[in-house]
């Protein structure tokens, strides 16, 4: 047997928590301006002389 059901449960729980942390980081109000600025930076022209 490769692993116990408890180890699979803990591994799955860790993955869910990491995913929830990424979502919470991206939608937090503290980081919203930084994320929005990156969106607008991509739309700016690079050929400004």
PDB file of N, CA and C in Angstrom:
ATOM      1  N   UNK A   1       0.843  -1.175   0.000  1.00  0.00           N
ATOM      2  CA  UNK A   1       0.000   0.000   0.000  1.00  0.00           C
ATOM      3  C   UNK A   1       0.893   1.245   0.000  1.00  0.00           C
ATOM      4  N   UNK A   2       0.566   2.216  -0.849  1.00  0.00           N
ATOM      5  CA  UNK A   2       1.409   3.398  -0.997  1.00  0.00           C
ATOM      6  C   UNK A   2       1.260   4.391   0.139  1.00  0.00           C
ATOM      7  N   UNK A   3       0.113   4.504   0.721  1.00  0.00           N
ATOM      8  CA  UNK A   3      -0.096   5.453   1.801  1.00  0.00           C
ATOM      9  C   UNK A   3      -1.395   5.186   2.513  1.00  0.00           C
ATOM     10  N   UNK A   4      -1.501   5.790   3.645  1.00  0.00           N
ATOM     11  CA  UNK A   4      -2.728   5.600   4.408  1.00  0.00           C
ATOM     12  C   UNK A   4      -3.769   6.623   3.969  1.00  0.00           C
ATOM     13  N   UNK A   5      -5.021   6.335   4.193  1.00  0.00           N
ATOM     14  CA  UNK A   5      -6.068   7.318   3.854  1.00  0.00           C
ATOM     15  C   UNK A   5      -5.884   8.642   4.601  1.00  0.00           C
ATOM     16  N   UNK A   6      -5.333   8.589   5.790  1.00  0.00           N
ATOM     17  CA  UNK A   6      -5.098   9.825   6.546  1.00  0.00           C
ATOM     18  C   UNK A   6      -4.070  10.707   5.858  1.00  0.00           C
ATOM     19  N   UNK A   7      -3.041  10.119   5.289  1.00  0.00           N
ATOM     20  CA  UNK A   7      -2.032  10.927   4.597  1.00  0.00           C
ATOM     21  C   UNK A   7      -2.605  11.561   3.332  1.00  0.00           C
ATOM     22  N   UNK A   8      -3.474  10.848   2.640  1.00  0.00           N
ATOM     23  CA  UNK A   8      -4.139  11.437   1.474  1.00  0.00           C
ATOM     24  C   UNK A   8      -5.063  12.575   1.880  1.00  0.00           C
ATOM     25  N   UNK A   9      -5.762  12.403   2.994  1.00  0.00           N
ATOM     26  CA  UNK A   9      -6.640  13.445   3.497  1.00  0.00           C
ATOM     27  C   UNK A   9      -5.842  14.693   3.877  1.00  0.00           C
ATOM     28  N   UNK A  10      -4.731  14.524   4.553  1.00  0.00           N
ATOM     29  CA  UNK A  10      -3.898  15.665   4.960  1.00  0.00           C
ATOM     30  C   UNK A  10      -3.321  16.355   3.730  1.00  0.00           C
ATOM     31  N   UNK A  11      -2.868  15.598   2.761  1.00  0.00           N
ATOM     32  CA  UNK A  11      -2.335  16.176   1.526  1.00  0.00           C
ATOM     33  C   UNK A  11      -3.408  16.978   0.785  1.00  0.00           C
ATOM     34  N   UNK A  12      -4.598  16.422   0.669  1.00  0.00           N
ATOM     35  CA  UNK A  12      -5.696  17.132   0.027  1.00  0.00           C
ATOM     36  C   UNK A  12      -6.089  18.385   0.790  1.00  0.00           C
ATOM     37  N   UNK A  13      -6.096  18.312   2.101  1.00  0.00           N
ATOM     38  CA  UNK A  13      -6.428  19.462   2.928  1.00  0.00           C
ATOM     39  C   UNK A  13      -5.395  20.574   2.763  1.00  0.00           C
ATOM     40  N   UNK A  14      -4.134  20.213   2.689  1.00  0.00           N
ATOM     41  CA  UNK A  14      -3.077  21.201   2.473  1.00  0.00           C
ATOM     42  C   UNK A  14      -3.246  21.877   1.114  1.00  0.00           C
ATOM     43  N   UNK A  15      -3.553  21.111   0.085  1.00  0.00           N
ATOM     44  CA  UNK A  15      -3.768  21.689  -1.241  1.00  0.00           C
ATOM     45  C   UNK A  15      -4.951  22.658  -1.251  1.00  0.00           C
ATOM     46  N   UNK A  16      -6.031  22.299  -0.584  1.00  0.00           N
ATOM     47  CA  UNK A  16      -7.204  23.176  -0.511  1.00  0.00           C
ATOM     48  C   UNK A  16      -6.863  24.456   0.240  1.00  0.00           C
ATOM     49  N   UNK A  17      -6.124  24.349   1.323  1.00  0.00           N
ATOM     50  CA  UNK A  17      -5.745  25.531   2.099  1.00  0.00           C
ATOM     51  C   UNK A  17      -4.818  26.450   1.309  1.00  0.00           C
ATOM     52  N   UNK A  18      -3.899  25.878   0.552  1.00  0.00           N
ATOM     53  CA  UNK A  18      -3.015  26.693  -0.285  1.00  0.00           C
ATOM     54  C   UNK A  18      -3.824  27.408  -1.357  1.00  0.00           C
ATOM     55  N   UNK A  19      -4.743  26.712  -1.970  1.00  0.00           N
ATOM     56  CA  UNK A  19      -5.593  27.327  -2.985  1.00  0.00           C
ATOM     57  C   UNK A  19      -6.447  28.444  -2.385  1.00  0.00           C
ATOM     58  N   UNK A  20      -7.015  28.210  -1.217  1.00  0.00           N
ATOM     59  CA  UNK A  20      -7.820  29.241  -0.550  1.00  0.00           C
ATOM     60  C   UNK A  20      -6.951  30.440  -0.179  1.00  0.00           C
ATOM     61  N   UNK A  21      -5.699  30.208   0.208  1.00  0.00           N
ATOM     62  CA  UNK A  21      -4.789  31.307   0.523  1.00  0.00           C
ATOM     63  C   UNK A  21      -4.469  32.145  -0.697  1.00  0.00           C
ATOM     64  N   UNK A  22      -4.280  31.516  -1.836  1.00  0.00           N
ATOM     65  CA  UNK A  22      -4.014  32.248  -3.076  1.00  0.00           C
ATOM     66  C   UNK A  22      -5.215  33.105  -3.448  1.00  0.00           C
ATOM     67  N   UNK A  23      -6.407  32.548  -3.337  1.00  0.00           N
ATOM     68  CA  UNK A  23      -7.623  33.294  -3.653  1.00  0.00           C
ATOM     69  C   UNK A  23      -7.783  34.470  -2.685  1.00  0.00           C
ATOM     70  N   UNK A  24      -7.567  34.235  -1.408  1.00  0.00           N
ATOM     71  CA  UNK A  24      -7.711  35.306  -0.417  1.00  0.00           C
ATOM     72  C   UNK A  24      -6.687  36.407  -0.660  1.00  0.00           C
ATOM     73  N   UNK A  25      -5.471  36.048  -1.050  1.00  0.00           N
ATOM     74  CA  UNK A  25      -4.439  37.044  -1.329  1.00  0.00           C
ATOM     75  C   UNK A  25      -4.830  37.916  -2.521  1.00  0.00           C
ATOM     76  N   UNK A  26      -5.347  37.296  -3.563  1.00  0.00           N
ATOM     77  CA  UNK A  26      -5.699  38.034  -4.774  1.00  0.00           C
ATOM     78  C   UNK A  26      -6.910  38.928  -4.600  1.00  0.00           C
ATOM     79  N   UNK A  27      -7.819  38.564  -3.724  1.00  0.00           N
ATOM     80  CA  UNK A  27      -9.026  39.363  -3.544  1.00  0.00           C
ATOM     81  C   UNK A  27      -8.974  40.268  -2.321  1.00  0.00           C
ATOM     82  N   UNK A  28      -7.841  40.332  -1.619  1.00  0.00           N
ATOM     83  CA  UNK A  28      -7.759  41.221  -0.462  1.00  0.00           C
ATOM     84  C   UNK A  28      -7.673  42.669  -0.927  1.00  0.00           C
ATOM     85  N   UNK A  29      -8.260  43.559  -0.151  1.00  0.00           N
ATOM     86  CA  UNK A  29      -8.294  44.971  -0.521  1.00  0.00           C
ATOM     87  C   UNK A  29      -6.905  45.594  -0.474  1.00  0.00           C
ATOM     88  N   UNK A  30      -6.018  45.056   0.341  1.00  0.00           N
ATOM     89  CA  UNK A  30      -4.665  45.594   0.462  1.00  0.00           C
ATOM     90  C   UNK A  30      -3.876  45.423  -0.836  1.00  0.00           C
ATOM     91  N   UNK A  31      -4.105  44.342  -1.550  1.00  0.00           N
ATOM     92  CA  UNK A  31      -3.342  44.051  -2.765  1.00  0.00           C
ATOM     93  C   UNK A  31      -4.069  44.443  -4.041  1.00  0.00           C
ATOM     94  N   UNK A  32      -5.287  44.963  -3.937  1.00  0.00           N
ATOM     95  CA  UNK A  32      -6.079  45.235  -5.123  1.00  0.00           C
ATOM     96  C   UNK A  32      -5.413  46.268  -6.031  1.00  0.00           C
ATOM     97  N   UNK A  33      -4.855  47.332  -5.451  1.00  0.00           N
ATOM     98  CA  UNK A  33      -4.249  48.366  -6.289  1.00  0.00           C
ATOM     99  C   UNK A  33      -3.027  47.833  -7.036  1.00  0.00           C
ATOM    100  N   UNK A  34      -2.245  46.975  -6.391  1.00  0.00           N
ATOM    101  CA  UNK A  34      -1.067  46.404  -7.050  1.00  0.00           C
ATOM    102  C   UNK A  34      -1.479  45.492  -8.205  1.00  0.00           C
ATOM    103  N   UNK A  35      -2.518  44.713  -8.005  1.00  0.00           N
ATOM    104  CA  UNK A  35      -2.982  43.806  -9.050  1.00  0.00           C
ATOM    105  C   UNK A  35      -3.614  44.593 -10.192  1.00  0.00           C
ATOM    106  N   UNK A  36      -4.400  45.616  -9.862  1.00  0.00           N
ATOM    107  CA  UNK A  36      -5.022  46.436 -10.899  1.00  0.00           C
ATOM    108  C   UNK A  36      -3.964  47.202 -11.691  1.00  0.00           C
ATOM    109  N   UNK A  37      -2.920  47.680 -11.044  1.00  0.00           N
ATOM    110  CA  UNK A  37      -1.869  48.419 -11.736  1.00  0.00           C
ATOM    111  C   UNK A  37      -1.167  47.531 -12.755  1.00  0.00           C
ATOM    112  N   UNK A  38      -0.949  46.281 -12.432  1.00  0.00           N
ATOM    113  CA  UNK A  38      -0.313  45.354 -13.381  1.00  0.00           C
ATOM    114  C   UNK A  38      -1.184  45.185 -14.620  1.00  0.00           C
ATOM    115  N   UNK A  39      -2.499  45.177 -14.436  1.00  0.00           N
ATOM    116  CA  UNK A  39      -3.410  45.052 -15.575  1.00  0.00           C
ATOM    117  C   UNK A  39      -3.281  46.250 -16.504  1.00  0.00           C
ATOM    118  N   UNK A  40      -3.208  47.450 -15.934  1.00  0.00           N
ATOM    119  CA  UNK A  40      -3.111  48.647 -16.758  1.00  0.00           C
ATOM    120  C   UNK A  40      -1.717  48.814 -17.363  1.00  0.00           C
ATOM    121  N   UNK A  41      -0.697  48.315 -16.701  1.00  0.00           N
ATOM    122  CA  UNK A  41       0.656  48.380 -17.258  1.00  0.00           C
ATOM    123  C   UNK A  41       0.762  47.551 -18.533  1.00  0.00           C
ATOM    124  N   UNK A  42       0.045  46.437 -18.606  1.00  0.00           N
ATOM    125  CA  UNK A  42       0.084  45.602 -19.807  1.00  0.00           C
ATOM    126  C   UNK A  42      -0.563  46.302 -20.992  1.00  0.00           C
ATOM    127  N   UNK A  43      -1.535  47.190 -20.741  1.00  0.00           N
ATOM    128  CA  UNK A  43      -2.235  47.858 -21.826  1.00  0.00           C
ATOM    129  C   UNK A  43      -1.525  49.125 -22.285  1.00  0.00           C
ATOM    130  N   UNK A  44      -0.540  49.609 -21.548  1.00  0.00           N
ATOM    131  CA  UNK A  44       0.199  50.810 -21.941  1.00  0.00           C
ATOM    132  C   UNK A  44       1.074  50.505 -23.169  1.00  0.00           C
ATOM    133  N   UNK A  45       1.264  51.508 -23.983  1.00  0.00           N
ATOM    134  CA  UNK A  45       2.138  51.362 -25.138  1.00  0.00           C
ATOM    135  C   UNK A  45       3.592  51.382 -24.692  1.00  0.00           C
ATOM    136  N   UNK A  46       4.374  50.496 -25.268  1.00  0.00           N
ATOM    137  CA  UNK A  46       5.804  50.452 -24.965  1.00  0.00           C
ATOM    138  C   UNK A  46       6.604  51.363 -25.876  1.00  0.00           C
ATOM    139  N   UNK A  47       5.972  51.933 -26.884  1.00  0.00           N
ATOM    140  CA  UNK A  47       6.682  52.739 -27.883  1.00  0.00           C
ATOM    141  C   UNK A  47       6.654  54.225 -27.561  1.00  0.00           C
ATOM    142  N   UNK A  48       6.622  54.570 -26.300  1.00  0.00           N
ATOM    143  CA  UNK A  48       6.607  55.986 -25.929  1.00  0.00           C
ATOM    144  C   UNK A  48       8.000  56.557 -26.109  1.00  0.00           C
ATOM    145  N   UNK A  49       8.119  57.570 -26.967  1.00  0.00           N
ATOM    146  CA  UNK A  49       9.433  58.176 -27.224  1.00  0.00           C
ATOM    147  C   UNK A  49       9.531  59.527 -26.584  1.00  0.00           C
TER     148      UNK A  49
END
